[in-house]
Amino acid sequence: KDYPEITLLEMLVDTCAMELVRAPEQFEVIVTTNLFG
């Protein structure tokens, strides 16, 4: 909320893993917990 210029997209780790393979260029930064990271 303090950074409105940044788009926050929340997704489950399995969805993120799939999207990382399908279209990795959509990610600039991934913020997650240690295990999922």
ModelCIF file with pLDDT and N, C-alpha, C, O atoms, coordinates in Angstrom:
data_MODEL
#
_entry.id   MODEL 
#
_entity.id                         1 
_entity.type                       polymer 
_entity.pdbx_number_of_molecules   1 
#
_entity_poly.entity_id                      1 
_entity_poly.type                           'polypeptide(L)' 
_entity_poly.nstd_linkage                   no 
_entity_poly.nstd_monomer                   no 
_entity_poly.pdbx_seq_one_letter_code       KDYPEITLLEMLVDTCAMELVRAPEQFEVIVTTNLFG 
_entity_poly.pdbx_seq_one_letter_code_can   KDYPEITLLEMLVDTCAMELVRAPEQFEVIVTTNLFG 
_entity_poly.pdbx_strand_id                 A 
#
loop_
_entity_poly_seq.entity_id 
_entity_poly_seq.num 
_entity_poly_seq.mon_id 
_entity_poly_seq.hetero 
1 1  LYS n 
1 2  ASP n 
1 3  TYR n 
1 4  PRO n 
1 5  GLU n 
1 6  ILE n 
1 7  THR n 
1 8  LEU n 
1 9  LEU n 
1 10 GLU n 
1 11 MET n 
1 12 LEU n 
1 13 VAL n 
1 14 ASP n 
1 15 THR n 
1 16 CYS n 
1 17 ALA n 
1 18 MET n 
1 19 GLU n 
1 20 LEU n 
1 21 VAL n 
1 22 ARG n 
1 23 ALA n 
1 24 PRO n 
1 25 GLU n 
1 26 GLN n 
1 27 PHE n 
1 28 GLU n 
1 29 VAL n 
1 30 ILE n 
1 31 VAL n 
1 32 THR n 
1 33 THR n 
1 34 ASN n 
1 35 LEU n 
1 36 PHE n 
1 37 GLY n 
#
_struct_asym.id          A 
_struct_asym.entity_id   1 
#
loop_
_ma_qa_metric.id 
_ma_qa_metric.mode 
_ma_qa_metric.name 
_ma_qa_metric.software_group_id 
_ma_qa_metric.type 
1 global pLDDT . pLDDT 
2 local  pLDDT . pLDDT 
#
_ma_qa_metric_global.metric_id      1 
_ma_qa_metric_global.metric_value   87.57 
_ma_qa_metric_global.model_id       1 
_ma_qa_metric_global.ordinal_id     1 
#
loop_
_ma_qa_metric_local.label_asym_id 
_ma_qa_metric_local.label_comp_id 
_ma_qa_metric_local.label_seq_id 
_ma_qa_metric_local.metric_id 
_ma_qa_metric_local.metric_value 
_ma_qa_metric_local.model_id 
_ma_qa_metric_local.ordinal_id 
A LYS 1  2 92.00 1 1  
A ASP 2  2 93.00 1 2  
A TYR 3  2 90.00 1 3  
A PRO 4  2 92.00 1 4  
A GLU 5  2 93.00 1 5  
A ILE 6  2 87.00 1 6  
A THR 7  2 88.00 1 7  
A LEU 8  2 89.00 1 8  
A LEU 9  2 88.00 1 9  
A GLU 10 2 88.00 1 10 
A MET 11 2 89.00 1 11 
A LEU 12 2 88.00 1 12 
A VAL 13 2 89.00 1 13 
A ASP 14 2 91.00 1 14 
A THR 15 2 92.00 1 15 
A CYS 16 2 91.00 1 16 
A ALA 17 2 91.00 1 17 
A MET 18 2 93.00 1 18 
A GLU 19 2 92.00 1 19 
A LEU 20 2 89.00 1 20 
A VAL 21 2 89.00 1 21 
A ARG 22 2 91.00 1 22 
A ALA 23 2 91.00 1 23 
A PRO 24 2 86.00 1 24 
A GLU 25 2 86.00 1 25 
A GLN 26 2 89.00 1 26 
A PHE 27 2 85.00 1 27 
A GLU 28 2 81.00 1 28 
A VAL 29 2 81.00 1 29 
A ILE 30 2 84.00 1 30 
A VAL 31 2 83.00 1 31 
A THR 32 2 83.00 1 32 
A THR 33 2 82.00 1 33 
A ASN 34 2 76.00 1 34 
A LEU 35 2 81.00 1 35 
A PHE 36 2 86.00 1 36 
A GLY 37 2 81.00 1 37 
#
loop_
_atom_site.group_PDB 
_atom_site.id 
_atom_site.type_symbol 
_atom_site.label_atom_id 
_atom_site.label_alt_id 
_atom_site.label_comp_id 
_atom_site.label_asym_id 
_atom_site.label_entity_id 
_atom_site.label_seq_id 
_atom_site.pdbx_PDB_ins_code 
_atom_site.Cartn_x 
_atom_site.Cartn_y 
_atom_site.Cartn_z 
_atom_site.occupancy 
_atom_site.B_iso_or_equiv 
_atom_site.pdbx_formal_charge 
_atom_site.auth_seq_id 
_atom_site.auth_comp_id 
_atom_site.auth_asym_id 
_atom_site.auth_atom_id 
_atom_site.pdbx_PDB_model_num 
ATOM 1   N N  . LYS A 1 1  ? 0.831  -1.214  0.000   1.00 92.00 ? 1  LYS A N  1 
ATOM 2   C CA . LYS A 1 1  ? 0.000  0.000   0.000   1.00 92.00 ? 1  LYS A CA 1 
ATOM 3   C C  . LYS A 1 1  ? 0.864  1.262   0.000   1.00 92.00 ? 1  LYS A C  1 
ATOM 4   O O  . LYS A 1 1  ? 0.434  2.312   -0.478  1.00 92.00 ? 1  LYS A O  1 
ATOM 5   N N  . ASP A 1 2  ? 2.087  1.159   0.538   1.00 93.00 ? 2  ASP A N  1 
ATOM 6   C CA . ASP A 1 2  ? 3.002  2.304   0.563   1.00 93.00 ? 2  ASP A CA 1 
ATOM 7   C C  . ASP A 1 2  ? 3.715  2.519   -0.769  1.00 93.00 ? 2  ASP A C  1 
ATOM 8   O O  . ASP A 1 2  ? 4.412  3.518   -0.944  1.00 93.00 ? 2  ASP A O  1 
ATOM 9   N N  . TYR A 1 3  ? 3.545  1.592   -1.707  1.00 90.00 ? 3  TYR A N  1 
ATOM 10  C CA . TYR A 1 3  ? 4.231  1.657   -2.992  1.00 90.00 ? 3  TYR A CA 1 
ATOM 11  C C  . TYR A 1 3  ? 3.227  1.429   -4.126  1.00 90.00 ? 3  TYR A C  1 
ATOM 12  O O  . TYR A 1 3  ? 3.261  0.383   -4.774  1.00 90.00 ? 3  TYR A O  1 
ATOM 13  N N  . PRO A 1 4  ? 2.345  2.383   -4.369  1.00 92.00 ? 4  PRO A N  1 
ATOM 14  C CA . PRO A 1 4  ? 1.300  2.184   -5.394  1.00 92.00 ? 4  PRO A CA 1 
ATOM 15  C C  . PRO A 1 4  ? 1.853  2.041   -6.811  1.00 92.00 ? 4  PRO A C  1 
ATOM 16  O O  . PRO A 1 4  ? 1.157  1.535   -7.691  1.00 92.00 ? 4  PRO A O  1 
ATOM 17  N N  . GLU A 1 5  ? 3.080  2.473   -7.045  1.00 93.00 ? 5  GLU A N  1 
ATOM 18  C CA . GLU A 1 5  ? 3.671  2.359   -8.378  1.00 93.00 ? 5  GLU A CA 1 
ATOM 19  C C  . GLU A 1 5  ? 4.119  0.929   -8.693  1.00 93.00 ? 5  GLU A C  1 
ATOM 20  O O  . GLU A 1 5  ? 4.445  0.617   -9.838  1.00 93.00 ? 5  GLU A O  1 
ATOM 21  N N  . ILE A 1 6  ? 4.135  0.068   -7.683  1.00 87.00 ? 6  ILE A N  1 
ATOM 22  C CA . ILE A 1 6  ? 4.532  -1.325  -7.868  1.00 87.00 ? 6  ILE A CA 1 
ATOM 23  C C  . ILE A 1 6  ? 3.279  -2.194  -7.888  1.00 87.00 ? 6  ILE A C  1 
ATOM 24  O O  . ILE A 1 6  ? 2.426  -2.102  -7.006  1.00 87.00 ? 6  ILE A O  1 
ATOM 25  N N  . THR A 1 7  ? 3.187  -3.032  -8.903  1.00 88.00 ? 7  THR A N  1 
ATOM 26  C CA . THR A 1 7  ? 2.044  -3.938  -9.018  1.00 88.00 ? 7  THR A CA 1 
ATOM 27  C C  . THR A 1 7  ? 2.282  -5.168  -8.155  1.00 88.00 ? 7  THR A C  1 
ATOM 28  O O  . THR A 1 7  ? 3.285  -5.864  -8.309  1.00 88.00 ? 7  THR A O  1 
ATOM 29  N N  . LEU A 1 8  ? 1.364  -5.424  -7.259  1.00 89.00 ? 8  LEU A N  1 
ATOM 30  C CA . LEU A 1 8  ? 1.434  -6.612  -6.409  1.00 89.00 ? 8  LEU A CA 1 
ATOM 31  C C  . LEU A 1 8  ? 0.512  -7.665  -6.988  1.00 89.00 ? 8  LEU A C  1 
ATOM 32  O O  . LEU A 1 8  ? -0.676 -7.415  -7.192  1.00 89.00 ? 8  LEU A O  1 
ATOM 33  N N  . LEU A 1 9  ? 1.050  -8.829  -7.251  1.00 88.00 ? 9  LEU A N  1 
ATOM 34  C CA . LEU A 1 9  ? 0.252  -9.932  -7.749  1.00 88.00 ? 9  LEU A CA 1 
ATOM 35  C C  . LEU A 1 9  ? 0.481  -11.111 -6.819  1.00 88.00 ? 9  LEU A C  1 
ATOM 36  O O  . LEU A 1 9  ? 1.578  -11.667 -6.770  1.00 88.00 ? 9  LEU A O  1 
ATOM 37  N N  . GLU A 1 10 ? -0.543 -11.488 -6.091  1.00 88.00 ? 10 GLU A N  1 
ATOM 38  C CA . GLU A 1 10 ? -0.432 -12.603 -5.154  1.00 88.00 ? 10 GLU A CA 1 
ATOM 39  C C  . GLU A 1 10 ? -0.830 -13.889 -5.872  1.00 88.00 ? 10 GLU A C  1 
ATOM 40  O O  . GLU A 1 10 ? -1.865 -13.947 -6.536  1.00 88.00 ? 10 GLU A O  1 
ATOM 41  N N  . MET A 1 11 ? 0.008  -14.921 -5.731  1.00 89.00 ? 11 MET A N  1 
ATOM 42  C CA . MET A 1 11 ? -0.339 -16.213 -6.332  1.00 89.00 ? 11 MET A CA 1 
ATOM 43  C C  . MET A 1 11 ? 0.221  -17.344 -5.483  1.00 89.00 ? 11 MET A C  1 
ATOM 44  O O  . MET A 1 11 ? 1.189  -17.168 -4.744  1.00 89.00 ? 11 MET A O  1 
ATOM 45  N N  . LEU A 1 12 ? -0.401 -18.497 -5.603  1.00 88.00 ? 12 LEU A N  1 
ATOM 46  C CA . LEU A 1 12 ? 0.071  -19.691 -4.913  1.00 88.00 ? 12 LEU A CA 1 
ATOM 47  C C  . LEU A 1 12 ? 1.405  -20.120 -5.514  1.00 88.00 ? 12 LEU A C  1 
ATOM 48  O O  . LEU A 1 12 ? 1.679  -19.846 -6.683  1.00 88.00 ? 12 LEU A O  1 
ATOM 49  N N  . VAL A 1 13 ? 2.232  -20.790 -4.723  1.00 89.00 ? 13 VAL A N  1 
ATOM 50  C CA . VAL A 1 13 ? 3.562  -21.158 -5.195  1.00 89.00 ? 13 VAL A CA 1 
ATOM 51  C C  . VAL A 1 13 ? 3.501  -22.092 -6.403  1.00 89.00 ? 13 VAL A C  1 
ATOM 52  O O  . VAL A 1 13 ? 4.347  -21.982 -7.290  1.00 89.00 ? 13 VAL A O  1 
ATOM 53  N N  . ASP A 1 14 ? 2.542  -22.996 -6.468  1.00 91.00 ? 14 ASP A N  1 
ATOM 54  C CA . ASP A 1 14 ? 2.468  -23.886 -7.629  1.00 91.00 ? 14 ASP A CA 1 
ATOM 55  C C  . ASP A 1 14 ? 2.086  -23.112 -8.892  1.00 91.00 ? 14 ASP A C  1 
ATOM 56  O O  . ASP A 1 14 ? 2.568  -23.428 -9.979  1.00 91.00 ? 14 ASP A O  1 
ATOM 57  N N  . THR A 1 15 ? 1.235  -22.114 -8.757  1.00 92.00 ? 15 THR A N  1 
ATOM 58  C CA . THR A 1 15 ? 0.886  -21.262 -9.890  1.00 92.00 ? 15 THR A CA 1 
ATOM 59  C C  . THR A 1 15 ? 2.095  -20.438 -10.314 1.00 92.00 ? 15 THR A C  1 
ATOM 60  O O  . THR A 1 15 ? 2.369  -20.290 -11.505 1.00 92.00 ? 15 THR A O  1 
ATOM 61  N N  . CYS A 1 16 ? 2.812  -19.907 -9.339  1.00 91.00 ? 16 CYS A N  1 
ATOM 62  C CA . CYS A 1 16 ? 4.009  -19.120 -9.634  1.00 91.00 ? 16 CYS A CA 1 
ATOM 63  C C  . CYS A 1 16 ? 5.047  -19.979 -10.359 1.00 91.00 ? 16 CYS A C  1 
ATOM 64  O O  . CYS A 1 16 ? 5.676  -19.521 -11.312 1.00 91.00 ? 16 CYS A O  1 
ATOM 65  N N  . ALA A 1 17 ? 5.224  -21.220 -9.908  1.00 91.00 ? 17 ALA A N  1 
ATOM 66  C CA . ALA A 1 17 ? 6.172  -22.123 -10.557 1.00 91.00 ? 17 ALA A CA 1 
ATOM 67  C C  . ALA A 1 17 ? 5.777  -22.365 -12.010 1.00 91.00 ? 17 ALA A C  1 
ATOM 68  O O  . ALA A 1 17 ? 6.629  -22.353 -12.898 1.00 91.00 ? 17 ALA A O  1 
ATOM 69  N N  . MET A 1 18 ? 4.496  -22.582 -12.249 1.00 93.00 ? 18 MET A N  1 
ATOM 70  C CA . MET A 1 18 ? 4.017  -22.799 -13.611 1.00 93.00 ? 18 MET A CA 1 
ATOM 71  C C  . MET A 1 18 ? 4.239  -21.543 -14.467 1.00 93.00 ? 18 MET A C  1 
ATOM 72  O O  . MET A 1 18 ? 4.710  -21.631 -15.601 1.00 93.00 ? 18 MET A O  1 
ATOM 73  N N  . GLU A 1 19 ? 3.892  -20.375 -13.909 1.00 92.00 ? 19 GLU A N  1 
ATOM 74  C CA . GLU A 1 19 ? 4.046  -19.124 -14.659 1.00 92.00 ? 19 GLU A CA 1 
ATOM 75  C C  . GLU A 1 19 ? 5.521  -18.806 -14.917 1.00 92.00 ? 19 GLU A C  1 
ATOM 76  O O  . GLU A 1 19 ? 5.862  -18.212 -15.940 1.00 92.00 ? 19 GLU A O  1 
ATOM 77  N N  . LEU A 1 20 ? 6.384  -19.201 -13.998 1.00 89.00 ? 20 LEU A N  1 
ATOM 78  C CA . LEU A 1 20 ? 7.821  -18.986 -14.175 1.00 89.00 ? 20 LEU A CA 1 
ATOM 79  C C  . LEU A 1 20 ? 8.334  -19.769 -15.371 1.00 89.00 ? 20 LEU A C  1 
ATOM 80  O O  . LEU A 1 20 ? 9.232  -19.305 -16.073 1.00 89.00 ? 20 LEU A O  1 
ATOM 81  N N  . VAL A 1 21 ? 7.780  -20.946 -15.613 1.00 89.00 ? 21 VAL A N  1 
ATOM 82  C CA . VAL A 1 21 ? 8.155  -21.747 -16.780 1.00 89.00 ? 21 VAL A CA 1 
ATOM 83  C C  . VAL A 1 21 ? 7.460  -21.227 -18.033 1.00 89.00 ? 21 VAL A C  1 
ATOM 84  O O  . VAL A 1 21 ? 8.078  -21.122 -19.092 1.00 89.00 ? 21 VAL A O  1 
ATOM 85  N N  . ARG A 1 22 ? 6.170  -20.902 -17.912 1.00 91.00 ? 22 ARG A N  1 
ATOM 86  C CA . ARG A 1 22 ? 5.365  -20.485 -19.066 1.00 91.00 ? 22 ARG A CA 1 
ATOM 87  C C  . ARG A 1 22 ? 5.789  -19.138 -19.618 1.00 91.00 ? 22 ARG A C  1 
ATOM 88  O O  . ARG A 1 22 ? 5.926  -18.979 -20.830 1.00 91.00 ? 22 ARG A O  1 
ATOM 89  N N  . ALA A 1 23 ? 5.999  -18.164 -18.737 1.00 91.00 ? 23 ALA A N  1 
ATOM 90  C CA . ALA A 1 23 ? 6.308  -16.802 -19.187 1.00 91.00 ? 23 ALA A CA 1 
ATOM 91  C C  . ALA A 1 23 ? 7.213  -16.106 -18.158 1.00 91.00 ? 23 ALA A C  1 
ATOM 92  O O  . ALA A 1 23 ? 6.750  -15.216 -17.444 1.00 91.00 ? 23 ALA A O  1 
ATOM 93  N N  . PRO A 1 24 ? 8.470  -16.487 -18.072 1.00 86.00 ? 24 PRO A N  1 
ATOM 94  C CA . PRO A 1 24 ? 9.359  -15.926 -17.050 1.00 86.00 ? 24 PRO A CA 1 
ATOM 95  C C  . PRO A 1 24 ? 9.561  -14.417 -17.161 1.00 86.00 ? 24 PRO A C  1 
ATOM 96  O O  . PRO A 1 24 ? 9.874  -13.757 -16.169 1.00 86.00 ? 24 PRO A O  1 
ATOM 97  N N  . GLU A 1 25 ? 9.383  -13.869 -18.362 1.00 86.00 ? 25 GLU A N  1 
ATOM 98  C CA . GLU A 1 25 ? 9.601  -12.430 -18.556 1.00 86.00 ? 25 GLU A CA 1 
ATOM 99  C C  . GLU A 1 25 ? 8.604  -11.569 -17.797 1.00 86.00 ? 25 GLU A C  1 
ATOM 100 O O  . GLU A 1 25 ? 8.824  -10.366 -17.652 1.00 86.00 ? 25 GLU A O  1 
ATOM 101 N N  . GLN A 1 26 ? 7.520  -12.147 -17.312 1.00 89.00 ? 26 GLN A N  1 
ATOM 102 C CA . GLN A 1 26 ? 6.526  -11.365 -16.579 1.00 89.00 ? 26 GLN A CA 1 
ATOM 103 C C  . GLN A 1 26 ? 6.995  -11.022 -15.168 1.00 89.00 ? 26 GLN A C  1 
ATOM 104 O O  . GLN A 1 26 ? 6.402  -10.165 -14.512 1.00 89.00 ? 26 GLN A O  1 
ATOM 105 N N  . PHE A 1 27 ? 8.047  -11.677 -14.696 1.00 85.00 ? 27 PHE A N  1 
ATOM 106 C CA . PHE A 1 27 ? 8.523  -11.449 -13.339 1.00 85.00 ? 27 PHE A CA 1 
ATOM 107 C C  . PHE A 1 27 ? 9.760  -10.559 -13.332 1.00 85.00 ? 27 PHE A C  1 
ATOM 108 O O  . PHE A 1 27 ? 10.734 -10.812 -14.041 1.00 85.00 ? 27 PHE A O  1 
ATOM 109 N N  . GLU A 1 28 ? 9.700  -9.527  -12.526 1.00 81.00 ? 28 GLU A N  1 
ATOM 110 C CA . GLU A 1 28 ? 10.887 -8.712  -12.294 1.00 81.00 ? 28 GLU A CA 1 
ATOM 111 C C  . GLU A 1 28 ? 11.473 -9.064  -10.930 1.00 81.00 ? 28 GLU A C  1 
ATOM 112 O O  . GLU A 1 28 ? 12.686 -9.210  -10.780 1.00 81.00 ? 28 GLU A O  1 
ATOM 113 N N  . VAL A 1 29 ? 10.599 -9.198  -9.946  1.00 81.00 ? 29 VAL A N  1 
ATOM 114 C CA . VAL A 1 29 ? 10.992 -9.564  -8.585  1.00 81.00 ? 29 VAL A CA 1 
ATOM 115 C C  . VAL A 1 29 ? 9.946  -10.530 -8.041  1.00 81.00 ? 29 VAL A C  1 
ATOM 116 O O  . VAL A 1 29 ? 8.747  -10.330 -8.237  1.00 81.00 ? 29 VAL A O  1 
ATOM 117 N N  . ILE A 1 30 ? 10.400 -11.570 -7.363  1.00 84.00 ? 30 ILE A N  1 
ATOM 118 C CA . ILE A 1 30 ? 9.490  -12.478 -6.673  1.00 84.00 ? 30 ILE A CA 1 
ATOM 119 C C  . ILE A 1 30 ? 9.812  -12.377 -5.185  1.00 84.00 ? 30 ILE A C  1 
ATOM 120 O O  . ILE A 1 30 ? 10.952 -12.583 -4.771  1.00 84.00 ? 30 ILE A O  1 
ATOM 121 N N  . VAL A 1 31 ? 8.808  -12.063 -4.399  1.00 83.00 ? 31 VAL A N  1 
ATOM 122 C CA . VAL A 1 31 ? 8.976  -11.941 -2.950  1.00 83.00 ? 31 VAL A CA 1 
ATOM 123 C C  . VAL A 1 31 ? 8.193  -13.078 -2.323  1.00 83.00 ? 31 VAL A C  1 
ATOM 124 O O  . VAL A 1 31 ? 6.991  -13.213 -2.550  1.00 83.00 ? 31 VAL A O  1 
ATOM 125 N N  . THR A 1 32 ? 8.871  -13.896 -1.535  1.00 83.00 ? 32 THR A N  1 
ATOM 126 C CA . THR A 1 32 ? 8.222  -15.070 -0.962  1.00 83.00 ? 32 THR A CA 1 
ATOM 127 C C  . THR A 1 32 ? 8.935  -15.501 0.313   1.00 83.00 ? 32 THR A C  1 
ATOM 128 O O  . THR A 1 32 ? 9.922  -14.895 0.729   1.00 83.00 ? 32 THR A O  1 
ATOM 129 N N  . THR A 1 33 ? 8.422  -16.542 0.911   1.00 82.00 ? 33 THR A N  1 
ATOM 130 C CA . THR A 1 33 ? 9.046  -17.091 2.115   1.00 82.00 ? 33 THR A CA 1 
ATOM 131 C C  . THR A 1 33 ? 10.273 -17.912 1.725   1.00 82.00 ? 33 THR A C  1 
ATOM 132 O O  . THR A 1 33 ? 10.481 -18.208 0.548   1.00 82.00 ? 33 THR A O  1 
ATOM 133 N N  . ASN A 1 34 ? 11.069 -18.270 2.699   1.00 76.00 ? 34 ASN A N  1 
ATOM 134 C CA . ASN A 1 34 ? 12.324 -18.978 2.457   1.00 76.00 ? 34 ASN A CA 1 
ATOM 135 C C  . ASN A 1 34 ? 12.127 -20.294 1.706   1.00 76.00 ? 34 ASN A C  1 
ATOM 136 O O  . ASN A 1 34 ? 12.813 -20.545 0.716   1.00 76.00 ? 34 ASN A O  1 
ATOM 137 N N  . LEU A 1 35 ? 11.211 -21.125 2.158   1.00 81.00 ? 35 LEU A N  1 
ATOM 138 C CA . LEU A 1 35 ? 11.007 -22.427 1.515   1.00 81.00 ? 35 LEU A CA 1 
ATOM 139 C C  . LEU A 1 35 ? 10.562 -22.270 0.067   1.00 81.00 ? 35 LEU A C  1 
ATOM 140 O O  . LEU A 1 35 ? 11.136 -22.889 -0.829  1.00 81.00 ? 35 LEU A O  1 
ATOM 141 N N  . PHE A 1 36 ? 9.540  -21.444 -0.170  1.00 86.00 ? 36 PHE A N  1 
ATOM 142 C CA . PHE A 1 36 ? 9.062  -21.264 -1.532  1.00 86.00 ? 36 PHE A CA 1 
ATOM 143 C C  . PHE A 1 36 ? 10.115 -20.568 -2.387  1.00 86.00 ? 36 PHE A C  1 
ATOM 144 O O  . PHE A 1 36 ? 10.252 -20.877 -3.570  1.00 86.00 ? 36 PHE A O  1 
ATOM 145 N N  . GLY A 1 37 ? 10.856 -19.637 -1.804  1.00 81.00 ? 37 GLY A N  1 
ATOM 146 C CA . GLY A 1 37 ? 11.927 -18.971 -2.540  1.00 81.00 ? 37 GLY A CA 1 
ATOM 147 C C  . GLY A 1 37 ? 12.995 -19.947 -2.976  1.00 81.00 ? 37 GLY A C  1 
ATOM 148 O O  . GLY A 1 37 ? 13.973 -19.551 -3.609  1.00 81.00 ? 37 GLY A O  1 
#
